[in-house]
Amino acid sequence: MSKTDYSLYLVTDSNIRSRDQMEEWVRQAILGGVTLVQLREKHISTREFYQAAVSMKEVTQRYHVPLIINDRLDIALAAEADGLHIGQSDLPAGMTKRLLGEGKILGLSAGNLAEAKKAEEDGADYVGVGAVFPTSTKADAVYVTKETLREIKSLLSIPVVAIGGINKRNMEQLYGSGIDGVAVVSAIMGSDDPKGAAHELKGMTCRL
């Protein structure tokens, strides 16, 4: 999906921002410059996740920003989301791509070059590579060096998005890496000014 803008990719977290505030935080973040939104919910029922996805799609669609669902193919299909992001332990990317259907975005998490190359071979539209910095939102994170991140970017033809603990204080360490964007969680969801936080981060992405 070459026309998709991955530069500032927001991943939601209801442990940081309550679900009754989530949509407004995402809306403000989009106004500040967020280009892609992933709805991630780990601890709610399928019905609640579906309802949250439908409501969130109304927000993202209004601003022409793609909505990606984390892990749950059934939710992505039921809510008619724009895409799905999966991990290494989920259904194989090739199978997921076929089930997801034409015109949908498929992202895959990768922690090393081999995983990233396999994702591209299997038809992923982008890879999320990380964690590049320590993160409080993923307890089992495996860290990826900046050198590995650059190597992955140099060898893949699909977009590469860095994830894991990224914020305005450390993003400059990724400058010049050539990556297509950064995925952030706490840097926006934990901010009292999501629009301002997104605007500041978006301005920094031009130097990646």
N, C-alpha and C. Protein backbone atom coordinates (compact mmCIF):
# COMPACT_ATOMS: atom_id res chain seq x y z
N MET A 1 0.85 -1.19 0.00
CA MET A 1 0.00 0.00 0.00
C MET A 1 0.89 1.24 0.00
N SER A 2 1.48 1.55 -1.13
CA SER A 2 2.48 2.60 -1.20
C SER A 2 1.93 3.98 -0.87
N LYS A 3 0.63 4.19 -1.07
CA LYS A 3 0.08 5.52 -0.84
C LYS A 3 -0.27 5.76 0.64
N THR A 4 -0.16 4.73 1.46
CA THR A 4 -0.41 4.90 2.88
C THR A 4 0.74 5.66 3.53
N ASP A 5 0.40 6.64 4.35
CA ASP A 5 1.39 7.44 5.06
C ASP A 5 1.63 6.82 6.43
N TYR A 6 2.82 6.27 6.63
CA TYR A 6 3.15 5.60 7.90
C TYR A 6 3.95 6.49 8.84
N SER A 7 4.11 7.75 8.51
CA SER A 7 5.07 8.58 9.24
C SER A 7 4.79 8.70 10.74
N LEU A 8 3.53 8.87 11.13
CA LEU A 8 3.21 8.95 12.57
C LEU A 8 2.03 8.03 12.86
N TYR A 9 2.35 6.87 13.38
CA TYR A 9 1.45 5.74 13.56
C TYR A 9 1.09 5.66 15.05
N LEU A 10 -0.16 5.90 15.38
CA LEU A 10 -0.60 5.89 16.77
C LEU A 10 -1.20 4.54 17.13
N VAL A 11 -0.71 3.96 18.23
CA VAL A 11 -1.26 2.72 18.77
C VAL A 11 -1.97 3.06 20.08
N THR A 12 -3.23 2.69 20.18
CA THR A 12 -4.00 3.04 21.39
C THR A 12 -3.66 2.10 22.54
N ASP A 13 -3.95 2.55 23.74
CA ASP A 13 -3.74 1.73 24.94
C ASP A 13 -4.71 2.21 26.01
N SER A 14 -5.72 1.38 26.29
CA SER A 14 -6.74 1.77 27.26
C SER A 14 -6.24 1.66 28.70
N ASN A 15 -5.02 1.15 28.90
CA ASN A 15 -4.42 1.18 30.23
C ASN A 15 -3.85 2.57 30.53
N ILE A 16 -3.59 3.32 29.48
CA ILE A 16 -3.06 4.67 29.64
C ILE A 16 -4.18 5.70 29.58
N ARG A 17 -5.08 5.51 28.62
CA ARG A 17 -6.19 6.45 28.43
C ARG A 17 -7.48 5.66 28.43
N SER A 18 -8.38 5.97 29.34
CA SER A 18 -9.62 5.20 29.48
C SER A 18 -10.43 5.17 28.19
N ARG A 19 -11.20 4.12 28.01
CA ARG A 19 -11.94 3.95 26.76
C ARG A 19 -12.95 5.07 26.52
N ASP A 20 -13.47 5.68 27.59
CA ASP A 20 -14.44 6.76 27.37
C ASP A 20 -13.75 8.05 26.90
N GLN A 21 -12.42 8.11 27.02
CA GLN A 21 -11.65 9.25 26.52
C GLN A 21 -10.97 8.95 25.19
N MET A 22 -10.89 7.67 24.85
CA MET A 22 -10.06 7.22 23.74
C MET A 22 -10.35 7.92 22.42
N GLU A 23 -11.61 7.98 22.04
CA GLU A 23 -11.95 8.55 20.74
C GLU A 23 -11.57 10.02 20.63
N GLU A 24 -11.76 10.77 21.70
CA GLU A 24 -11.41 12.18 21.66
C GLU A 24 -9.88 12.34 21.59
N TRP A 25 -9.14 11.50 22.30
CA TRP A 25 -7.67 11.56 22.23
C TRP A 25 -7.19 11.25 20.82
N VAL A 26 -7.79 10.24 20.21
CA VAL A 26 -7.41 9.88 18.84
C VAL A 26 -7.78 11.00 17.87
N ARG A 27 -8.95 11.57 18.05
CA ARG A 27 -9.37 12.67 17.17
C ARG A 27 -8.39 13.84 17.26
N GLN A 28 -8.05 14.22 18.46
CA GLN A 28 -7.11 15.33 18.65
C GLN A 28 -5.74 14.99 18.07
N ALA A 29 -5.31 13.73 18.24
CA ALA A 29 -4.02 13.30 17.72
C ALA A 29 -4.01 13.36 16.19
N ILE A 30 -5.11 12.99 15.57
CA ILE A 30 -5.20 13.07 14.10
C ILE A 30 -5.11 14.53 13.66
N LEU A 31 -5.79 15.40 14.38
CA LEU A 31 -5.72 16.83 14.05
C LEU A 31 -4.30 17.35 14.20
N GLY A 32 -3.52 16.72 15.08
CA GLY A 32 -2.14 17.12 15.28
C GLY A 32 -1.17 16.54 14.27
N GLY A 33 -1.62 15.53 13.51
CA GLY A 33 -0.74 14.99 12.48
C GLY A 33 -0.61 13.49 12.40
N VAL A 34 -1.29 12.73 13.27
CA VAL A 34 -1.23 11.27 13.19
C VAL A 34 -1.78 10.80 11.84
N THR A 35 -1.07 9.86 11.21
CA THR A 35 -1.43 9.44 9.85
C THR A 35 -2.04 8.03 9.78
N LEU A 36 -1.96 7.29 10.88
CA LEU A 36 -2.46 5.91 10.91
C LEU A 36 -2.79 5.58 12.35
N VAL A 37 -3.89 4.86 12.58
CA VAL A 37 -4.29 4.52 13.95
C VAL A 37 -4.48 3.01 14.07
N GLN A 38 -3.84 2.45 15.09
CA GLN A 38 -4.06 1.03 15.39
C GLN A 38 -4.83 0.92 16.70
N LEU A 39 -5.96 0.23 16.65
CA LEU A 39 -6.75 0.00 17.86
C LEU A 39 -6.27 -1.30 18.49
N ARG A 40 -5.68 -1.19 19.67
CA ARG A 40 -5.16 -2.35 20.37
C ARG A 40 -5.89 -2.53 21.69
N GLU A 41 -6.55 -3.65 21.84
CA GLU A 41 -7.28 -3.98 23.06
C GLU A 41 -6.98 -5.43 23.42
N LYS A 42 -6.44 -5.64 24.59
CA LYS A 42 -6.03 -6.99 24.99
C LYS A 42 -6.96 -7.62 26.02
N HIS A 43 -7.72 -6.81 26.72
CA HIS A 43 -8.42 -7.35 27.89
C HIS A 43 -9.91 -7.01 27.91
N ILE A 44 -10.53 -6.97 26.75
CA ILE A 44 -11.97 -6.75 26.70
C ILE A 44 -12.62 -7.86 25.88
N SER A 45 -13.93 -7.99 26.01
CA SER A 45 -14.64 -9.05 25.30
C SER A 45 -14.66 -8.77 23.80
N THR A 46 -14.96 -9.80 23.05
CA THR A 46 -15.05 -9.66 21.60
C THR A 46 -16.12 -8.64 21.22
N ARG A 47 -17.24 -8.67 21.90
CA ARG A 47 -18.31 -7.71 21.61
C ARG A 47 -17.85 -6.28 21.88
N GLU A 48 -17.17 -6.08 23.02
CA GLU A 48 -16.69 -4.74 23.36
C GLU A 48 -15.65 -4.27 22.35
N PHE A 49 -14.79 -5.18 21.93
CA PHE A 49 -13.75 -4.82 20.95
C PHE A 49 -14.40 -4.43 19.63
N TYR A 50 -15.40 -5.19 19.22
CA TYR A 50 -16.11 -4.88 17.97
C TYR A 50 -16.77 -3.50 18.06
N GLN A 51 -17.45 -3.24 19.16
CA GLN A 51 -18.12 -1.95 19.32
C GLN A 51 -17.12 -0.80 19.35
N ALA A 52 -15.98 -1.03 20.00
CA ALA A 52 -14.94 0.00 20.04
C ALA A 52 -14.38 0.25 18.64
N ALA A 53 -14.22 -0.82 17.87
CA ALA A 53 -13.68 -0.69 16.51
C ALA A 53 -14.64 0.08 15.60
N VAL A 54 -15.92 -0.23 15.70
CA VAL A 54 -16.92 0.47 14.89
C VAL A 54 -16.94 1.96 15.22
N SER A 55 -16.91 2.27 16.52
CA SER A 55 -16.91 3.67 16.95
C SER A 55 -15.64 4.39 16.52
N MET A 56 -14.51 3.70 16.64
CA MET A 56 -13.25 4.34 16.27
C MET A 56 -13.18 4.56 14.77
N LYS A 57 -13.75 3.65 14.00
CA LYS A 57 -13.71 3.82 12.55
C LYS A 57 -14.48 5.08 12.12
N GLU A 58 -15.52 5.41 12.84
CA GLU A 58 -16.26 6.63 12.53
C GLU A 58 -15.36 7.85 12.68
N VAL A 59 -14.48 7.81 13.68
CA VAL A 59 -13.55 8.92 13.91
C VAL A 59 -12.49 8.97 12.81
N THR A 60 -11.82 7.84 12.58
CA THR A 60 -10.72 7.83 11.61
C THR A 60 -11.20 8.07 10.19
N GLN A 61 -12.36 7.54 9.87
CA GLN A 61 -12.91 7.70 8.51
C GLN A 61 -13.22 9.16 8.22
N ARG A 62 -13.67 9.87 9.23
CA ARG A 62 -14.02 11.28 9.08
C ARG A 62 -12.81 12.09 8.62
N TYR A 63 -11.63 11.67 9.05
CA TYR A 63 -10.41 12.40 8.71
C TYR A 63 -9.55 11.67 7.68
N HIS A 64 -10.12 10.62 7.08
CA HIS A 64 -9.43 9.86 6.02
C HIS A 64 -8.10 9.28 6.49
N VAL A 65 -8.10 8.77 7.72
CA VAL A 65 -6.94 8.11 8.30
C VAL A 65 -7.26 6.63 8.45
N PRO A 66 -6.40 5.74 7.96
CA PRO A 66 -6.69 4.30 8.05
C PRO A 66 -6.75 3.81 9.50
N LEU A 67 -7.68 2.89 9.74
CA LEU A 67 -7.79 2.23 11.04
C LEU A 67 -7.31 0.79 10.91
N ILE A 68 -6.32 0.45 11.73
CA ILE A 68 -5.74 -0.89 11.76
C ILE A 68 -6.16 -1.55 13.08
N ILE A 69 -6.56 -2.81 13.01
CA ILE A 69 -6.91 -3.56 14.22
C ILE A 69 -5.73 -4.43 14.62
N ASN A 70 -5.43 -4.45 15.90
CA ASN A 70 -4.33 -5.28 16.39
C ASN A 70 -4.79 -6.72 16.62
N ASP A 71 -4.11 -7.65 15.99
CA ASP A 71 -4.24 -9.10 16.22
C ASP A 71 -5.53 -9.76 15.74
N ARG A 72 -6.67 -9.12 15.89
CA ARG A 72 -7.95 -9.80 15.73
C ARG A 72 -8.51 -9.67 14.31
N LEU A 73 -8.28 -10.69 13.51
CA LEU A 73 -8.80 -10.73 12.15
C LEU A 73 -10.31 -10.63 12.13
N ASP A 74 -10.97 -11.33 13.06
CA ASP A 74 -12.44 -11.31 13.09
C ASP A 74 -12.98 -9.90 13.32
N ILE A 75 -12.33 -9.15 14.21
CA ILE A 75 -12.77 -7.78 14.49
C ILE A 75 -12.51 -6.89 13.27
N ALA A 76 -11.36 -7.05 12.66
CA ALA A 76 -11.03 -6.25 11.47
C ALA A 76 -12.06 -6.46 10.37
N LEU A 77 -12.45 -7.70 10.17
CA LEU A 77 -13.44 -8.00 9.13
C LEU A 77 -14.82 -7.50 9.51
N ALA A 78 -15.23 -7.76 10.75
CA ALA A 78 -16.58 -7.38 11.19
C ALA A 78 -16.78 -5.87 11.20
N ALA A 79 -15.75 -5.14 11.59
CA ALA A 79 -15.85 -3.68 11.68
C ALA A 79 -15.48 -2.99 10.37
N GLU A 80 -15.10 -3.79 9.37
CA GLU A 80 -14.68 -3.26 8.07
C GLU A 80 -13.56 -2.23 8.24
N ALA A 81 -12.58 -2.60 9.06
CA ALA A 81 -11.42 -1.75 9.28
C ALA A 81 -10.56 -1.73 8.02
N ASP A 82 -9.62 -0.81 8.00
CA ASP A 82 -8.76 -0.67 6.81
C ASP A 82 -7.63 -1.68 6.78
N GLY A 83 -7.39 -2.32 7.92
CA GLY A 83 -6.31 -3.29 7.93
C GLY A 83 -6.15 -3.98 9.26
N LEU A 84 -5.08 -4.78 9.35
CA LEU A 84 -4.82 -5.63 10.51
C LEU A 84 -3.33 -5.66 10.76
N HIS A 85 -2.95 -5.67 12.03
CA HIS A 85 -1.54 -5.85 12.39
C HIS A 85 -1.42 -7.12 13.22
N ILE A 86 -0.50 -8.00 12.84
CA ILE A 86 -0.34 -9.27 13.54
C ILE A 86 1.09 -9.46 14.00
N GLY A 87 1.27 -10.45 14.88
CA GLY A 87 2.58 -10.76 15.40
C GLY A 87 3.09 -12.08 14.87
N GLN A 88 4.25 -12.48 15.35
CA GLN A 88 4.90 -13.69 14.87
C GLN A 88 4.16 -14.97 15.29
N SER A 89 3.35 -14.90 16.33
CA SER A 89 2.64 -16.10 16.80
C SER A 89 1.21 -16.20 16.28
N ASP A 90 0.80 -15.24 15.46
CA ASP A 90 -0.56 -15.27 14.90
C ASP A 90 -0.59 -16.14 13.64
N LEU A 91 -1.74 -16.18 12.98
CA LEU A 91 -1.86 -16.91 11.73
C LEU A 91 -0.76 -16.48 10.75
N PRO A 92 -0.26 -17.37 9.91
CA PRO A 92 0.75 -16.98 8.93
C PRO A 92 0.28 -15.80 8.09
N ALA A 93 1.21 -14.92 7.75
CA ALA A 93 0.86 -13.69 7.03
C ALA A 93 0.18 -13.97 5.70
N GLY A 94 0.66 -14.98 4.97
CA GLY A 94 0.06 -15.29 3.68
C GLY A 94 -1.40 -15.66 3.80
N MET A 95 -1.72 -16.51 4.77
CA MET A 95 -3.10 -16.92 5.00
C MET A 95 -3.93 -15.72 5.46
N THR A 96 -3.37 -14.94 6.38
CA THR A 96 -4.09 -13.77 6.89
C THR A 96 -4.40 -12.79 5.77
N LYS A 97 -3.45 -12.60 4.88
CA LYS A 97 -3.62 -11.68 3.75
C LYS A 97 -4.79 -12.12 2.87
N ARG A 98 -4.88 -13.41 2.62
CA ARG A 98 -5.99 -13.92 1.78
C ARG A 98 -7.34 -13.73 2.48
N LEU A 99 -7.37 -14.00 3.77
CA LEU A 99 -8.63 -13.86 4.52
C LEU A 99 -9.04 -12.39 4.67
N LEU A 100 -8.06 -11.53 4.82
CA LEU A 100 -8.34 -10.11 5.01
C LEU A 100 -8.98 -9.49 3.78
N GLY A 101 -8.53 -9.92 2.60
CA GLY A 101 -9.16 -9.47 1.36
C GLY A 101 -8.41 -8.36 0.66
N GLU A 102 -8.82 -8.11 -0.57
CA GLU A 102 -8.18 -7.11 -1.42
C GLU A 102 -8.32 -5.70 -0.85
N GLY A 103 -7.28 -4.93 -1.05
CA GLY A 103 -7.35 -3.52 -0.68
C GLY A 103 -7.15 -3.23 0.79
N LYS A 104 -6.88 -4.25 1.60
CA LYS A 104 -6.67 -4.06 3.03
C LYS A 104 -5.18 -4.06 3.34
N ILE A 105 -4.82 -3.36 4.40
CA ILE A 105 -3.43 -3.24 4.83
C ILE A 105 -3.11 -4.34 5.83
N LEU A 106 -2.00 -5.04 5.60
CA LEU A 106 -1.54 -6.05 6.56
C LEU A 106 -0.16 -5.67 7.06
N GLY A 107 -0.05 -5.50 8.37
CA GLY A 107 1.23 -5.22 8.99
C GLY A 107 1.67 -6.39 9.85
N LEU A 108 2.98 -6.55 10.00
CA LEU A 108 3.51 -7.67 10.77
C LEU A 108 4.66 -7.19 11.64
N SER A 109 4.66 -7.60 12.89
CA SER A 109 5.75 -7.26 13.80
C SER A 109 6.97 -8.11 13.47
N ALA A 110 8.14 -7.50 13.53
CA ALA A 110 9.39 -8.21 13.28
C ALA A 110 10.45 -7.73 14.25
N GLY A 111 11.22 -8.68 14.76
CA GLY A 111 12.26 -8.33 15.71
C GLY A 111 13.65 -8.52 15.18
N ASN A 112 13.75 -9.00 13.93
CA ASN A 112 15.07 -9.19 13.32
C ASN A 112 14.91 -9.21 11.80
N LEU A 113 16.04 -9.28 11.11
CA LEU A 113 16.03 -9.21 9.65
C LEU A 113 15.30 -10.40 9.02
N ALA A 114 15.51 -11.60 9.56
CA ALA A 114 14.88 -12.79 8.99
C ALA A 114 13.36 -12.68 9.05
N GLU A 115 12.84 -12.24 10.18
CA GLU A 115 11.39 -12.09 10.32
C GLU A 115 10.85 -11.02 9.38
N ALA A 116 11.59 -9.95 9.22
CA ALA A 116 11.16 -8.86 8.35
C ALA A 116 11.13 -9.31 6.89
N LYS A 117 12.17 -10.02 6.46
CA LYS A 117 12.21 -10.51 5.08
C LYS A 117 11.10 -11.51 4.81
N LYS A 118 10.82 -12.38 5.78
CA LYS A 118 9.75 -13.36 5.62
C LYS A 118 8.40 -12.65 5.52
N ALA A 119 8.21 -11.60 6.31
CA ALA A 119 6.96 -10.83 6.26
C ALA A 119 6.73 -10.27 4.87
N GLU A 120 7.80 -9.70 4.28
CA GLU A 120 7.68 -9.15 2.93
C GLU A 120 7.36 -10.24 1.92
N GLU A 121 8.05 -11.37 2.03
CA GLU A 121 7.82 -12.49 1.11
C GLU A 121 6.38 -13.00 1.18
N ASP A 122 5.80 -12.95 2.38
CA ASP A 122 4.45 -13.47 2.59
C ASP A 122 3.35 -12.47 2.25
N GLY A 123 3.74 -11.27 1.84
CA GLY A 123 2.74 -10.32 1.38
C GLY A 123 2.36 -9.21 2.33
N ALA A 124 3.10 -9.06 3.43
CA ALA A 124 2.81 -7.95 4.34
C ALA A 124 3.01 -6.62 3.62
N ASP A 125 2.19 -5.64 3.98
CA ASP A 125 2.29 -4.32 3.37
C ASP A 125 3.31 -3.43 4.08
N TYR A 126 3.59 -3.73 5.34
CA TYR A 126 4.61 -3.01 6.09
C TYR A 126 5.04 -3.90 7.25
N VAL A 127 6.20 -3.58 7.84
CA VAL A 127 6.64 -4.26 9.05
C VAL A 127 6.81 -3.24 10.17
N GLY A 128 6.43 -3.65 11.38
CA GLY A 128 6.68 -2.87 12.57
C GLY A 128 7.87 -3.49 13.28
N VAL A 129 8.97 -2.77 13.37
CA VAL A 129 10.21 -3.32 13.90
C VAL A 129 10.51 -2.74 15.28
N GLY A 130 10.76 -3.61 16.23
CA GLY A 130 11.06 -3.14 17.57
C GLY A 130 11.14 -4.29 18.54
N ALA A 131 11.35 -3.92 19.79
CA ALA A 131 11.31 -2.57 20.33
C ALA A 131 12.67 -1.88 20.18
N VAL A 132 12.63 -0.61 19.77
CA VAL A 132 13.87 0.13 19.58
C VAL A 132 14.33 0.83 20.85
N PHE A 133 13.40 1.07 21.79
CA PHE A 133 13.74 1.64 23.09
C PHE A 133 12.95 0.90 24.16
N PRO A 134 13.37 0.98 25.42
CA PRO A 134 12.58 0.36 26.49
C PRO A 134 11.16 0.89 26.50
N THR A 135 10.20 -0.01 26.69
CA THR A 135 8.79 0.38 26.65
C THR A 135 8.02 -0.23 27.80
N SER A 136 7.10 0.54 28.34
CA SER A 136 6.28 0.06 29.46
C SER A 136 5.02 -0.64 28.98
N THR A 137 4.74 -0.56 27.67
CA THR A 137 3.48 -1.12 27.16
C THR A 137 3.62 -2.55 26.66
N LYS A 138 4.84 -3.07 26.65
CA LYS A 138 5.06 -4.45 26.21
C LYS A 138 6.14 -5.08 27.08
N ALA A 139 5.71 -5.86 28.07
CA ALA A 139 6.62 -6.39 29.07
C ALA A 139 7.64 -7.37 28.49
N ASP A 140 7.27 -8.08 27.42
CA ASP A 140 8.16 -9.11 26.87
C ASP A 140 8.92 -8.63 25.64
N ALA A 141 9.09 -7.33 25.52
CA ALA A 141 9.73 -6.77 24.33
C ALA A 141 11.18 -7.25 24.18
N VAL A 142 11.54 -7.55 22.93
CA VAL A 142 12.92 -7.87 22.57
C VAL A 142 13.47 -6.65 21.83
N TYR A 143 14.67 -6.22 22.20
CA TYR A 143 15.17 -4.96 21.65
C TYR A 143 15.93 -5.13 20.35
N VAL A 144 15.74 -4.16 19.47
CA VAL A 144 16.37 -4.14 18.16
C VAL A 144 17.33 -2.96 18.11
N THR A 145 18.55 -3.19 17.68
CA THR A 145 19.53 -2.10 17.61
C THR A 145 19.22 -1.18 16.43
N LYS A 146 19.73 0.03 16.50
CA LYS A 146 19.53 0.98 15.40
C LYS A 146 20.20 0.46 14.13
N GLU A 147 21.31 -0.28 14.29
CA GLU A 147 22.00 -0.84 13.13
C GLU A 147 21.12 -1.88 12.43
N THR A 148 20.46 -2.73 13.23
CA THR A 148 19.55 -3.73 12.65
C THR A 148 18.37 -3.05 11.96
N LEU A 149 17.86 -1.99 12.58
CA LEU A 149 16.76 -1.24 11.99
C LEU A 149 17.15 -0.69 10.62
N ARG A 150 18.33 -0.11 10.54
CA ARG A 150 18.80 0.43 9.26
C ARG A 150 19.01 -0.67 8.24
N GLU A 151 19.53 -1.81 8.69
CA GLU A 151 19.75 -2.93 7.77
C GLU A 151 18.44 -3.44 7.21
N ILE A 152 17.45 -3.58 8.07
CA ILE A 152 16.13 -4.04 7.62
C ILE A 152 15.57 -3.07 6.58
N LYS A 153 15.67 -1.78 6.86
CA LYS A 153 15.16 -0.79 5.92
C LYS A 153 15.88 -0.86 4.58
N SER A 154 17.18 -1.08 4.62
CA SER A 154 17.96 -1.09 3.38
C SER A 154 17.67 -2.31 2.51
N LEU A 155 17.19 -3.40 3.12
CA LEU A 155 17.00 -4.64 2.38
C LEU A 155 15.55 -4.94 2.02
N LEU A 156 14.62 -4.17 2.57
CA LEU A 156 13.20 -4.39 2.28
C LEU A 156 12.68 -3.34 1.32
N SER A 157 11.69 -3.71 0.53
CA SER A 157 11.06 -2.74 -0.37
C SER A 157 9.72 -2.24 0.17
N ILE A 158 9.22 -2.89 1.25
CA ILE A 158 7.97 -2.42 1.87
C ILE A 158 8.31 -1.46 3.00
N PRO A 159 7.35 -0.61 3.41
CA PRO A 159 7.62 0.36 4.48
C PRO A 159 8.03 -0.31 5.80
N VAL A 160 8.92 0.37 6.51
CA VAL A 160 9.41 -0.08 7.81
C VAL A 160 9.07 0.98 8.85
N VAL A 161 8.37 0.55 9.90
CA VAL A 161 7.96 1.45 10.98
C VAL A 161 8.63 0.99 12.27
N ALA A 162 9.30 1.89 12.96
CA ALA A 162 9.93 1.56 14.24
C ALA A 162 8.91 1.71 15.36
N ILE A 163 8.99 0.83 16.35
CA ILE A 163 8.08 0.90 17.49
C ILE A 163 8.83 0.53 18.76
N GLY A 164 8.33 1.04 19.88
CA GLY A 164 8.88 0.66 21.17
C GLY A 164 9.51 1.82 21.91
N GLY A 165 8.75 2.43 22.80
CA GLY A 165 9.29 3.46 23.67
C GLY A 165 9.69 4.76 23.00
N ILE A 166 9.19 5.01 21.80
CA ILE A 166 9.60 6.20 21.05
C ILE A 166 8.86 7.44 21.57
N ASN A 167 9.62 8.51 21.79
CA ASN A 167 9.03 9.78 22.23
C ASN A 167 9.89 10.93 21.70
N LYS A 168 9.48 12.15 22.02
CA LYS A 168 10.17 13.32 21.46
C LYS A 168 11.60 13.45 21.98
N ARG A 169 11.91 12.82 23.12
CA ARG A 169 13.25 12.92 23.70
C ARG A 169 14.26 11.97 23.03
N ASN A 170 13.76 10.86 22.48
CA ASN A 170 14.71 9.90 21.90
C ASN A 170 14.58 9.71 20.39
N MET A 171 13.57 10.33 19.78
CA MET A 171 13.37 10.09 18.35
C MET A 171 14.56 10.53 17.51
N GLU A 172 15.29 11.53 17.98
CA GLU A 172 16.43 12.00 17.19
C GLU A 172 17.48 10.90 17.00
N GLN A 173 17.48 9.89 17.86
CA GLN A 173 18.40 8.77 17.69
C GLN A 173 18.08 7.94 16.44
N LEU A 174 16.87 8.13 15.91
CA LEU A 174 16.45 7.41 14.70
C LEU A 174 16.64 8.25 13.44
N TYR A 175 17.07 9.49 13.60
CA TYR A 175 17.26 10.36 12.44
C TYR A 175 18.27 9.72 11.47
N GLY A 176 17.95 9.80 10.19
CA GLY A 176 18.84 9.29 9.17
C GLY A 176 18.76 7.80 8.95
N SER A 177 17.85 7.13 9.64
CA SER A 177 17.72 5.67 9.50
C SER A 177 17.02 5.28 8.20
N GLY A 178 16.30 6.22 7.61
CA GLY A 178 15.60 5.93 6.37
C GLY A 178 14.26 5.26 6.53
N ILE A 179 13.87 5.00 7.78
CA ILE A 179 12.59 4.32 8.01
C ILE A 179 11.42 5.20 7.58
N ASP A 180 10.27 4.56 7.41
CA ASP A 180 9.10 5.24 6.86
C ASP A 180 8.22 5.89 7.92
N GLY A 181 8.47 5.55 9.18
CA GLY A 181 7.66 6.16 10.21
C GLY A 181 7.95 5.58 11.58
N VAL A 182 7.29 6.15 12.58
CA VAL A 182 7.41 5.68 13.96
C VAL A 182 6.01 5.41 14.51
N ALA A 183 5.93 4.34 15.29
CA ALA A 183 4.68 4.02 15.99
C ALA A 183 4.86 4.42 17.44
N VAL A 184 3.91 5.18 17.96
CA VAL A 184 4.00 5.66 19.33
C VAL A 184 2.74 5.29 20.10
N VAL A 185 2.91 5.12 21.38
CA VAL A 185 1.79 4.82 22.27
C VAL A 185 1.73 5.89 23.35
N SER A 186 2.55 5.74 24.37
CA SER A 186 2.52 6.64 25.53
C SER A 186 2.78 8.09 25.18
N ALA A 187 3.62 8.33 24.17
CA ALA A 187 4.00 9.71 23.82
C ALA A 187 2.79 10.55 23.45
N ILE A 188 1.72 9.90 22.98
CA ILE A 188 0.50 10.63 22.65
C ILE A 188 -0.64 10.26 23.60
N MET A 189 -0.84 8.94 23.81
CA MET A 189 -1.96 8.52 24.66
C MET A 189 -1.79 9.00 26.10
N GLY A 190 -0.53 9.17 26.53
CA GLY A 190 -0.27 9.62 27.89
C GLY A 190 -0.15 11.12 28.04
N SER A 191 -0.30 11.83 26.94
CA SER A 191 -0.17 13.29 26.98
C SER A 191 -1.50 13.95 27.30
N ASP A 192 -1.44 15.05 28.05
CA ASP A 192 -2.65 15.83 28.33
C ASP A 192 -3.03 16.69 27.13
N ASP A 193 -2.13 16.79 26.16
CA ASP A 193 -2.36 17.57 24.95
C ASP A 193 -2.02 16.70 23.73
N PRO A 194 -2.90 15.76 23.38
CA PRO A 194 -2.58 14.83 22.29
C PRO A 194 -2.38 15.52 20.95
N LYS A 195 -3.10 16.59 20.70
CA LYS A 195 -2.92 17.32 19.45
C LYS A 195 -1.53 17.95 19.38
N GLY A 196 -1.12 18.60 20.46
CA GLY A 196 0.19 19.23 20.50
C GLY A 196 1.31 18.20 20.45
N ALA A 197 1.13 17.09 21.17
CA ALA A 197 2.15 16.04 21.17
C ALA A 197 2.32 15.45 19.77
N ALA A 198 1.20 15.21 19.10
CA ALA A 198 1.25 14.66 17.74
C ALA A 198 1.90 15.64 16.78
N HIS A 199 1.57 16.91 16.92
CA HIS A 199 2.14 17.94 16.04
C HIS A 199 3.66 18.00 16.18
N GLU A 200 4.13 17.93 17.41
CA GLU A 200 5.57 17.99 17.65
C GLU A 200 6.27 16.75 17.07
N LEU A 201 5.70 15.59 17.31
CA LEU A 201 6.29 14.35 16.79
C LEU A 201 6.26 14.31 15.27
N LYS A 202 5.15 14.77 14.69
CA LYS A 202 5.02 14.76 13.22
C LYS A 202 6.12 15.62 12.60
N GLY A 203 6.40 16.74 13.23
CA GLY A 203 7.44 17.63 12.71
C GLY A 203 8.82 16.99 12.73
N MET A 204 9.01 16.03 13.63
CA MET A 204 10.30 15.36 13.74
C MET A 204 10.46 14.23 12.75
N THR A 205 9.35 13.70 12.23
CA THR A 205 9.43 12.53 11.36
C THR A 205 10.10 12.84 10.01
N CYS A 206 10.15 14.10 9.62
CA CYS A 206 10.76 14.43 8.33
C CYS A 206 12.27 14.19 8.33
N ARG A 207 12.84 13.97 9.51
CA ARG A 207 14.30 13.76 9.60
C ARG A 207 14.68 12.30 9.78
N LEU A 208 13.69 11.41 9.70
CA LEU A 208 13.98 9.98 9.86
C LEU A 208 14.83 9.44 8.71
